[in-house]
Protein backbone atom coordinates (compact mmCIF):
# COMPACT_ATOMS: atom_id res chain seq x y z
CA MET A 1 48.72 101.25 -14.56
CA GLU A 2 45.01 100.46 -14.95
CA PRO A 3 43.44 97.98 -12.45
CA ASN A 4 42.90 95.35 -15.13
CA GLU A 5 46.50 95.70 -16.26
CA LYS A 6 47.64 95.08 -12.69
CA LYS A 7 45.52 91.94 -12.54
CA VAL A 8 47.02 90.64 -15.79
CA LYS A 9 50.55 91.47 -14.61
CA ILE A 10 50.01 89.51 -11.38
CA MET A 11 48.78 86.50 -13.36
CA GLU A 12 51.70 86.62 -15.79
CA VAL A 13 54.28 86.88 -13.00
CA ALA A 14 52.61 84.10 -11.00
CA GLU A 15 52.41 81.89 -14.09
CA LYS A 16 56.17 82.08 -14.63
CA LEU A 17 56.94 81.47 -10.96
CA PHE A 18 54.56 78.51 -10.73
CA ALA A 19 56.14 77.02 -13.86
CA LYS A 20 59.68 77.52 -12.54
CA ASN A 21 59.32 76.68 -8.85
CA GLY A 22 56.07 74.75 -8.59
CA PHE A 23 52.76 75.88 -7.14
CA SER A 24 53.44 74.83 -3.54
CA ALA A 25 56.96 76.30 -3.48
CA THR A 26 55.83 79.74 -4.69
CA SER A 27 54.60 82.14 -2.02
CA VAL A 28 52.17 85.03 -2.41
CA ARG A 29 54.89 87.26 -0.98
CA GLU A 30 57.26 86.23 -3.79
CA ILE A 31 54.58 86.93 -6.40
CA SER A 32 53.86 90.36 -4.92
CA LYS A 33 57.56 91.25 -4.93
CA LYS A 34 58.10 90.18 -8.56
CA ALA A 35 54.90 91.87 -9.72
CA ASP A 36 55.70 95.01 -7.71
CA VAL A 37 52.31 95.04 -5.99
CA ASN A 38 51.32 94.57 -2.37
CA ILE A 39 49.92 91.33 -0.98
CA ALA A 40 46.59 93.01 -0.22
CA MET A 41 46.08 93.70 -3.92
CA ILE A 42 46.61 90.02 -4.79
CA SER A 43 44.09 89.07 -2.09
CA TYR A 44 41.64 91.66 -3.42
CA TYR A 45 41.78 90.36 -6.99
CA PHE A 46 42.14 86.62 -6.36
CA GLU A 47 41.35 85.88 -2.67
CA SER A 48 43.94 83.07 -2.49
CA LYS A 49 46.85 81.48 -4.32
CA GLU A 50 44.55 78.66 -5.47
CA LYS A 51 42.08 81.16 -6.94
CA LEU A 52 44.98 82.93 -8.64
CA LEU A 53 46.00 79.69 -10.36
CA GLU A 54 42.41 79.09 -11.46
CA ALA A 55 42.30 82.61 -12.91
CA ILE A 56 45.48 81.88 -14.88
CA PHE A 57 43.89 78.75 -16.35
CA HIS A 58 40.76 80.64 -17.33
CA TYR A 59 42.78 83.53 -18.77
CA LYS A 60 45.29 81.42 -20.71
CA GLY A 61 43.75 77.96 -20.80
CA ASP A 62 40.42 78.63 -22.49
CA TYR A 63 42.01 79.27 -25.89
CA LEU A 64 40.97 75.87 -27.25
CA ARG A 65 37.34 76.32 -26.22
CA VAL A 66 37.10 79.73 -27.87
CA MET A 67 38.97 78.46 -30.93
CA VAL A 68 36.65 75.48 -31.49
CA GLU A 69 33.51 77.53 -30.89
CA ASN A 70 34.61 80.08 -33.48
CA LEU A 71 35.70 77.33 -35.83
CA LEU A 72 32.33 75.58 -35.82
CA GLN A 73 30.63 78.79 -36.92
CA LYS A 74 32.72 79.10 -40.08
CA ASP A 75 30.41 77.54 -42.69
CA SER A 76 32.74 78.54 -45.52
CA PHE A 77 35.28 75.86 -44.49
CA THR A 78 34.98 72.11 -44.99
CA ARG A 79 35.28 69.93 -41.92
CA TRP A 80 38.72 68.74 -43.09
CA GLN A 81 39.86 72.35 -43.42
CA LYS A 82 38.56 73.00 -39.93
CA LEU A 83 40.48 70.01 -38.60
CA ASP A 84 43.71 71.24 -40.21
CA TRP A 85 43.10 74.72 -38.82
CA LEU A 86 42.42 73.28 -35.37
CA VAL A 87 45.77 71.43 -35.42
CA ASP A 88 47.70 74.53 -36.50
CA GLU A 89 46.05 76.71 -33.87
CA TYR A 90 46.41 74.09 -31.14
CA VAL A 91 50.17 73.75 -31.65
CA ASP A 92 50.62 77.53 -31.98
CA ARG A 93 48.72 78.29 -28.78
CA PHE A 94 50.32 75.40 -26.89
CA LEU A 95 53.78 76.80 -27.58
CA GLU A 96 52.68 80.37 -26.87
CA ASN A 97 51.33 79.26 -23.48
CA GLN A 98 54.31 77.12 -22.56
CA TYR A 99 54.49 78.40 -18.97
CA LEU A 100 50.92 77.22 -18.44
CA HIS A 101 51.78 73.76 -19.73
CA ARG A 102 54.85 73.58 -17.54
CA ILE A 103 52.55 74.18 -14.57
CA ILE A 104 50.22 71.43 -15.78
CA LEU A 105 53.13 69.01 -16.13
CA ARG A 106 54.41 69.85 -12.64
CA GLU A 107 51.06 69.74 -10.88
CA SER A 108 49.36 66.80 -12.60
CA GLY A 109 52.14 64.24 -12.22
CA LEU A 110 51.59 60.68 -11.06
CA HIS A 111 52.04 61.54 -7.38
CA SER A 112 50.01 64.74 -7.24
CA LYS A 113 46.55 64.71 -5.73
CA GLY A 114 43.83 66.89 -4.29
CA SER A 115 41.76 69.78 -5.58
CA LEU A 116 44.50 71.22 -7.81
CA ARG A 117 44.88 68.05 -9.83
CA GLU A 118 41.10 67.68 -10.01
CA PHE A 119 40.83 71.23 -11.35
CA ILE A 120 43.50 70.58 -14.00
CA ASP A 121 41.83 67.30 -15.02
CA LYS A 122 38.49 69.09 -15.34
CA GLN A 123 40.02 71.76 -17.59
CA ARG A 124 41.70 69.16 -19.79
CA TYR A 125 38.51 67.11 -19.98
CA GLY A 126 36.72 70.18 -21.32
CA HIS A 127 39.29 70.44 -24.13
CA TYR A 128 38.99 66.73 -24.92
CA LYS A 129 35.19 66.89 -24.97
CA MET A 130 35.15 69.75 -27.49
CA VAL A 131 37.49 67.96 -29.89
CA LYS A 132 35.51 64.74 -29.43
CA GLU A 133 32.20 66.45 -30.23
CA PHE A 134 33.69 68.10 -33.31
CA ILE A 135 34.85 64.73 -34.66
CA GLU A 136 31.60 62.98 -33.72
CA LYS A 137 29.63 65.53 -35.75
CA GLY A 138 31.86 64.72 -38.70
CA GLN A 139 31.18 61.02 -38.17
CA VAL A 140 27.42 61.57 -38.04
CA ASP A 141 27.62 63.55 -41.29
CA GLY A 142 29.58 60.72 -42.90
CA GLU A 143 32.79 62.72 -43.38
CA PHE A 144 34.94 61.01 -40.73
CA LYS A 145 35.48 57.30 -40.21
CA GLU A 146 33.72 55.73 -37.24
CA GLY A 147 35.13 53.25 -34.74
CA VAL A 148 38.12 55.45 -33.88
CA ASP A 149 39.43 55.64 -30.31
CA LEU A 150 38.81 59.35 -29.77
CA LEU A 151 40.56 59.53 -26.40
CA MET A 152 43.80 58.23 -27.90
CA LEU A 153 43.32 60.38 -31.01
CA TYR A 154 42.94 63.49 -28.84
CA SER A 155 46.01 62.46 -26.83
CA LEU A 156 48.11 62.86 -29.97
CA LEU A 157 47.60 66.64 -29.83
CA PRO A 158 48.95 67.43 -26.35
CA GLY A 159 51.29 64.43 -26.34
CA THR A 160 53.15 65.24 -29.55
CA THR A 161 53.20 68.99 -28.91
CA LYS A 162 54.36 68.48 -25.33
CA HIS A 163 57.25 66.34 -26.59
CA LEU A 164 58.26 69.19 -28.89
CA LEU A 165 58.08 71.73 -26.06
CA PHE A 166 60.03 69.74 -23.49
CA HIS A 167 62.44 67.91 -25.79
CA GLU A 168 63.26 70.55 -28.39
CA SER A 169 67.01 70.15 -27.81
CA PHE A 170 66.85 66.38 -28.39
CA MET A 171 64.82 66.77 -31.58
CA ARG A 172 67.23 69.37 -32.94
CA HIS A 173 70.12 67.04 -32.07
CA VAL A 174 68.52 64.15 -33.99
CA VAL A 175 67.89 66.27 -37.08
CA LYS A 176 71.47 67.54 -37.07
CA ALA A 177 72.89 64.04 -36.55
CA GLU A 178 70.80 62.57 -39.37
CA SER A 179 70.86 65.39 -41.91
CA GLY A 180 73.55 67.83 -40.82
CA ARG A 181 70.97 70.63 -40.77
CA GLU A 182 70.60 73.22 -38.03
CA ILE A 183 66.92 73.86 -37.30
CA ASP A 184 65.01 76.02 -34.84
CA LEU A 185 61.74 75.78 -32.92
CA GLU A 186 59.76 77.23 -35.83
CA ASP A 187 61.00 74.43 -38.12
CA LEU A 188 60.01 71.82 -35.53
CA LYS A 189 56.64 73.47 -35.00
CA ILE A 190 55.81 73.28 -38.72
CA ARG A 191 56.99 69.68 -38.84
CA THR A 192 54.82 68.83 -35.82
CA GLN A 193 51.75 70.45 -37.37
CA SER A 194 52.27 68.61 -40.66
CA PHE A 195 52.73 65.29 -38.87
CA LEU A 196 49.61 65.71 -36.75
CA LYS A 197 47.44 66.70 -39.73
CA MET A 198 48.69 63.73 -41.74
CA THR A 199 48.15 61.35 -38.81
CA LEU A 200 44.62 62.56 -38.10
CA ARG A 201 43.75 62.16 -41.77
CA MET A 202 45.06 58.60 -41.71
CA LEU A 203 42.90 57.84 -38.66
CA LEU A 204 39.72 59.60 -39.78
CA GLN A 205 39.71 59.30 -43.58
CA LYS A 206 37.10 56.84 -44.82
CA GLU A 207 38.42 54.13 -47.12
């Protein structure tokens, strides 16, 4: 196995353990055992468990930044098309990186504190700021309505998608109770994307 592959394997194993057991409850020894590497190798690549978690966030959590940066360079799309694309990609990547978001939910709860929560808040603020700047450019160009609470608008993205991720069983139960239909996660994902795109249009479309 190549050195970089070992590093990725360690991060992927640690990500699942952090999501399942919590950051504090997961030991470096447990990670090394599951990843089939020695503790010295983890220390060599990441120095500490905290640095390992930061590496996971940078490896998996920067998808929105890269996505928006690439999106803004696509002059062939209208800003509304870019917004729809952003929603689709956001929901897709959120679900693909569900272990990461389980860590975020565990470690950024109401009673958590310290450098870990500050790090998570900083990462999330970076995501919010990019979406905010994208919308503000649309407002300056006269394409999006002004006077919109952008913090609450942004909160619709992680909030609605997080509800889908953590309450999939409930949502499937409701659909079956109301329509008799059996649906899967893909059906709910498409429904979530459609709802978010429609809602953002309602909030940002000029009258």
